Protein backbone atom coordinates (compact mmCIF):
# COMPACT_ATOMS: atom_id res chain seq x y z
CA UNK A 1 4.00 5.08 22.90
CA UNK A 2 0.85 4.12 22.04
CA UNK A 3 0.16 3.68 17.85
CA UNK A 4 -2.94 4.70 16.22
CA UNK A 5 -4.19 3.41 13.02
CA UNK A 6 -7.19 6.01 11.43
CA UNK A 7 -8.08 7.06 7.73
CA UNK A 8 -5.84 9.41 6.39
CA UNK A 9 -7.27 13.54 5.81
CA UNK A 10 -5.93 15.81 3.35
CA UNK A 11 -4.12 17.47 5.78
CA UNK A 12 -1.51 14.64 6.48
CA UNK A 13 -0.16 14.76 2.86
CA UNK A 14 2.89 16.56 3.82
CA UNK A 15 3.52 13.73 6.54
CA UNK A 16 2.41 11.28 4.31
CA UNK A 17 5.39 12.85 1.95
CA UNK A 18 7.84 12.70 4.32
CA UNK A 19 7.30 8.59 5.18
CA UNK A 20 7.65 7.75 0.88
CA UNK A 21 9.84 10.31 0.26
CA UNK A 22 13.41 8.50 1.66
CA UNK A 23 11.79 5.46 -0.31
CA UNK A 24 12.02 7.02 -3.41
CA UNK A 25 15.36 8.13 -3.19
CA UNK A 26 17.22 6.24 -0.92
CA UNK A 27 16.23 2.52 -2.06
CA UNK A 28 14.67 0.72 -4.61
CA UNK A 29 11.28 -0.12 -2.58
CA UNK A 30 9.70 2.33 -4.71
CA UNK A 31 10.57 3.00 -8.50
CA UNK A 32 9.67 6.22 -9.15
CA UNK A 33 12.01 8.50 -10.11
CA UNK A 34 11.43 11.73 -7.41
CA UNK A 35 9.53 11.81 -4.62
CA UNK A 36 5.95 12.91 -4.65
CA UNK A 37 5.28 16.39 -2.67
CA UNK A 38 2.42 16.56 -0.54
CA UNK A 39 -0.29 18.78 -3.92
CA UNK A 40 0.56 14.81 -5.41
CA UNK A 41 0.10 12.96 -2.67
CA UNK A 42 -3.52 14.89 -1.93
CA UNK A 43 -4.22 14.35 -5.62
CA UNK A 44 -3.52 10.24 -5.39
CA UNK A 45 -5.37 10.51 -1.83
CA UNK A 46 -8.62 11.54 -3.63
CA UNK A 47 -8.16 9.83 -7.27
CA UNK A 48 -11.46 7.79 -8.25
CA UNK A 49 -12.06 5.00 -7.32
CA UNK A 50 -11.82 5.98 -3.96
CA UNK A 51 -9.89 3.65 -2.09
CA UNK A 52 -8.31 3.29 1.27
CA UNK A 53 -5.54 5.61 2.72
CA UNK A 54 -4.58 5.02 6.49
CA UNK A 55 -1.83 6.96 8.85
CA UNK A 56 0.14 5.27 11.40
CA UNK A 57 0.41 7.63 14.08
CA UNK A 58 2.58 7.43 17.28
CA UNK A 59 2.08 9.35 19.77
CA UNK A 60 0.48 12.08 17.20
CA UNK A 61 2.88 11.52 14.73
CA UNK A 62 2.96 9.91 11.28
CA UNK A 63 5.27 7.26 11.24
CA UNK A 64 3.99 5.39 8.17
CA UNK A 65 0.70 4.75 5.64
CA UNK A 66 -1.09 2.31 3.70
CA UNK A 67 -2.96 2.36 0.29
CA UNK A 68 -4.57 0.66 -1.84
CA UNK A 69 -4.49 1.68 -5.36
CA UNK A 70 -6.57 0.14 -8.68
CA UNK A 71 -4.62 -2.64 -9.91
CA UNK A 72 -4.61 -2.04 -13.08
CA UNK A 73 -7.54 0.22 -15.41
CA UNK A 74 -9.65 -1.66 -17.31
CA UNK A 75 -12.75 -2.82 -16.10
CA UNK A 76 -12.58 -6.23 -15.74
CA UNK A 77 -10.36 -5.65 -13.06
CA UNK A 78 -12.06 -3.57 -10.77
CA UNK A 79 -12.45 -5.70 -8.08
CA UNK A 80 -8.51 -6.15 -7.36
CA UNK A 81 -6.23 -3.55 -6.03
CA UNK A 82 -2.67 -3.38 -4.82
CA UNK A 83 -1.54 -2.42 -1.69
CA UNK A 84 1.31 -0.52 -0.08
CA UNK A 85 2.70 -0.14 3.13
CA UNK A 86 5.30 2.70 4.29
CA UNK A 87 7.29 2.99 7.49
CA UNK A 88 10.09 5.70 8.95
CA UNK A 89 13.05 3.83 9.36
CA UNK A 90 12.24 4.47 12.86
CA UNK A 91 9.15 2.36 12.95
CA UNK A 92 10.67 -0.69 11.09
CA UNK A 93 10.11 -4.04 13.06
CA UNK A 94 7.75 -2.52 15.54
CA UNK A 95 4.44 -4.53 14.58
CA UNK A 96 3.15 -1.05 12.16
CA UNK A 97 3.21 -2.66 8.97
CA UNK A 98 0.93 -5.18 10.14
CA UNK A 99 -0.97 -2.78 12.54
CA UNK A 100 -1.76 -1.21 8.99
CA UNK A 101 -2.80 -3.80 7.14
CA UNK A 102 -4.81 -5.21 10.30
CA UNK A 103 -7.05 -2.19 8.97
CA UNK A 104 -6.72 -1.69 5.71
CA UNK A 105 -7.40 -5.96 4.01
CA UNK A 106 -10.53 -5.83 6.65
CA UNK A 107 -11.76 -2.41 5.09
CA UNK A 108 -11.03 -3.86 1.37
CA UNK A 109 -13.23 -6.50 1.87
CA UNK A 110 -15.82 -4.79 3.26
CA UNK A 111 -16.02 -2.43 0.10
CA UNK A 112 -16.45 -5.41 -2.17
CA UNK A 113 -13.33 -6.30 -3.46
CA UNK A 114 -11.59 -9.72 -3.89
CA UNK A 115 -8.32 -9.81 -4.32
CA UNK A 116 -5.23 -7.64 -3.31
CA UNK A 117 -1.63 -7.61 -4.28
CA UNK A 118 1.55 -6.52 -4.11
CA UNK A 119 4.50 -4.88 -5.49
CA UNK A 120 8.07 -5.73 -3.74
CA UNK A 121 10.99 -4.94 -5.25
CA UNK A 122 14.05 -7.68 -4.78
CA UNK A 123 15.62 -8.56 -2.37
CA UNK A 124 13.14 -7.48 0.68
CA UNK A 125 12.71 -9.42 2.96
CA UNK A 126 11.31 -7.10 5.51
CA UNK A 127 8.53 -6.48 2.95
CA UNK A 128 7.89 -10.36 1.84
CA UNK A 129 7.86 -11.53 5.38
CA UNK A 130 4.88 -8.33 6.51
CA UNK A 131 3.09 -9.83 3.84
CA UNK A 132 3.49 -13.38 3.45
CA UNK A 133 2.38 -13.01 7.80
CA UNK A 134 -0.60 -11.07 6.68
CA UNK A 135 -1.83 -13.85 4.27
CA UNK A 136 -0.10 -12.85 0.81
CA UNK A 137 0.88 -15.82 -0.90
CA UNK A 138 4.16 -15.36 -3.84
CA UNK A 139 2.57 -15.04 -7.20
CA UNK A 140 6.10 -14.97 -9.51
CA UNK A 141 8.77 -12.60 -9.98
CA UNK A 142 9.07 -9.88 -13.10
CA UNK A 143 13.64 -10.42 -13.42
CA UNK A 144 14.92 -7.36 -14.47
CA UNK A 145 12.09 -4.98 -14.91
CA UNK A 146 13.54 -1.70 -13.33
CA UNK A 147 16.06 -0.38 -13.71
CA UNK A 148 16.98 1.72 -10.41
CA UNK A 149 20.30 2.58 -8.66
CA UNK A 150 22.13 1.89 -11.19
CA UNK A 151 21.06 -1.96 -11.34
CA UNK A 152 18.03 -4.05 -13.41
CA UNK A 153 16.05 -4.93 -10.30
CA UNK A 154 13.49 -7.99 -10.26
CA UNK A 155 9.97 -7.42 -9.21
CA UNK A 156 7.98 -9.84 -6.93
CA UNK A 157 4.49 -10.04 -7.04
CA UNK A 158 1.76 -11.74 -3.93
CA UNK A 159 -1.25 -12.13 -3.91
CA UNK A 160 -4.05 -12.16 -0.93
CA UNK A 161 -7.63 -13.63 -1.31
CA UNK A 162 -9.82 -10.87 0.27
CA UNK A 163 -12.45 -13.60 -0.51
CA UNK A 164 -13.76 -16.52 -2.03
CA UNK A 165 -14.26 -14.93 -5.84
CA UNK A 166 -18.23 -15.12 -6.11
CA UNK A 167 -19.85 -16.44 -9.24
CA UNK A 168 -21.53 -12.84 -9.92
CA UNK A 169 -19.75 -9.66 -8.25
CA UNK A 170 -21.40 -6.95 -7.06
CA UNK A 171 -19.76 -3.73 -8.10
CA UNK A 172 -17.20 -2.54 -5.10
CA UNK A 173 -17.91 0.32 -3.56
CA UNK A 174 -15.87 3.60 -3.26
CA UNK A 175 -14.32 4.51 0.48
CA UNK A 176 -15.68 7.02 2.51
CA UNK A 177 -13.30 7.77 4.71
CA UNK A 178 -14.60 8.74 8.12
CA UNK A 179 -14.74 12.13 9.09
């Protein structure tokens, strides 16, 4: 059973939506209220500035994805991104999250980005372990910041320095996915 990580294409939007949907409806891993459909996923994939979206395929079936998005909209934040990894239930614990980050993080460095962040609804020991395994460090917790599935939820923030912050950073570049 071969695992392959590759750039996501617009044609992957349906599969990405199928992987993500259960995280929206059946868990607190995502604070969205309704799962996005394929058209919305495709719109997010094309959002500017263009940042990486990757899929993990096992035997040519999409079993997970990773993406980066702007950390905040203000100009001074343009060197920082938020990252996400989502997997099918059957794929958890198989090293797929790590495989996605092993491709995503070098791409972000190559684009001139300086820091990556991850927000994790707590408790989520598997996500915490994944992020700390690839080098993220805890920054802090927003207590009771979101209300989902009938309860207030804490969100922890993790940070990874992609590079040593330069004194005069070059402008980050947009991602151009391979054809």
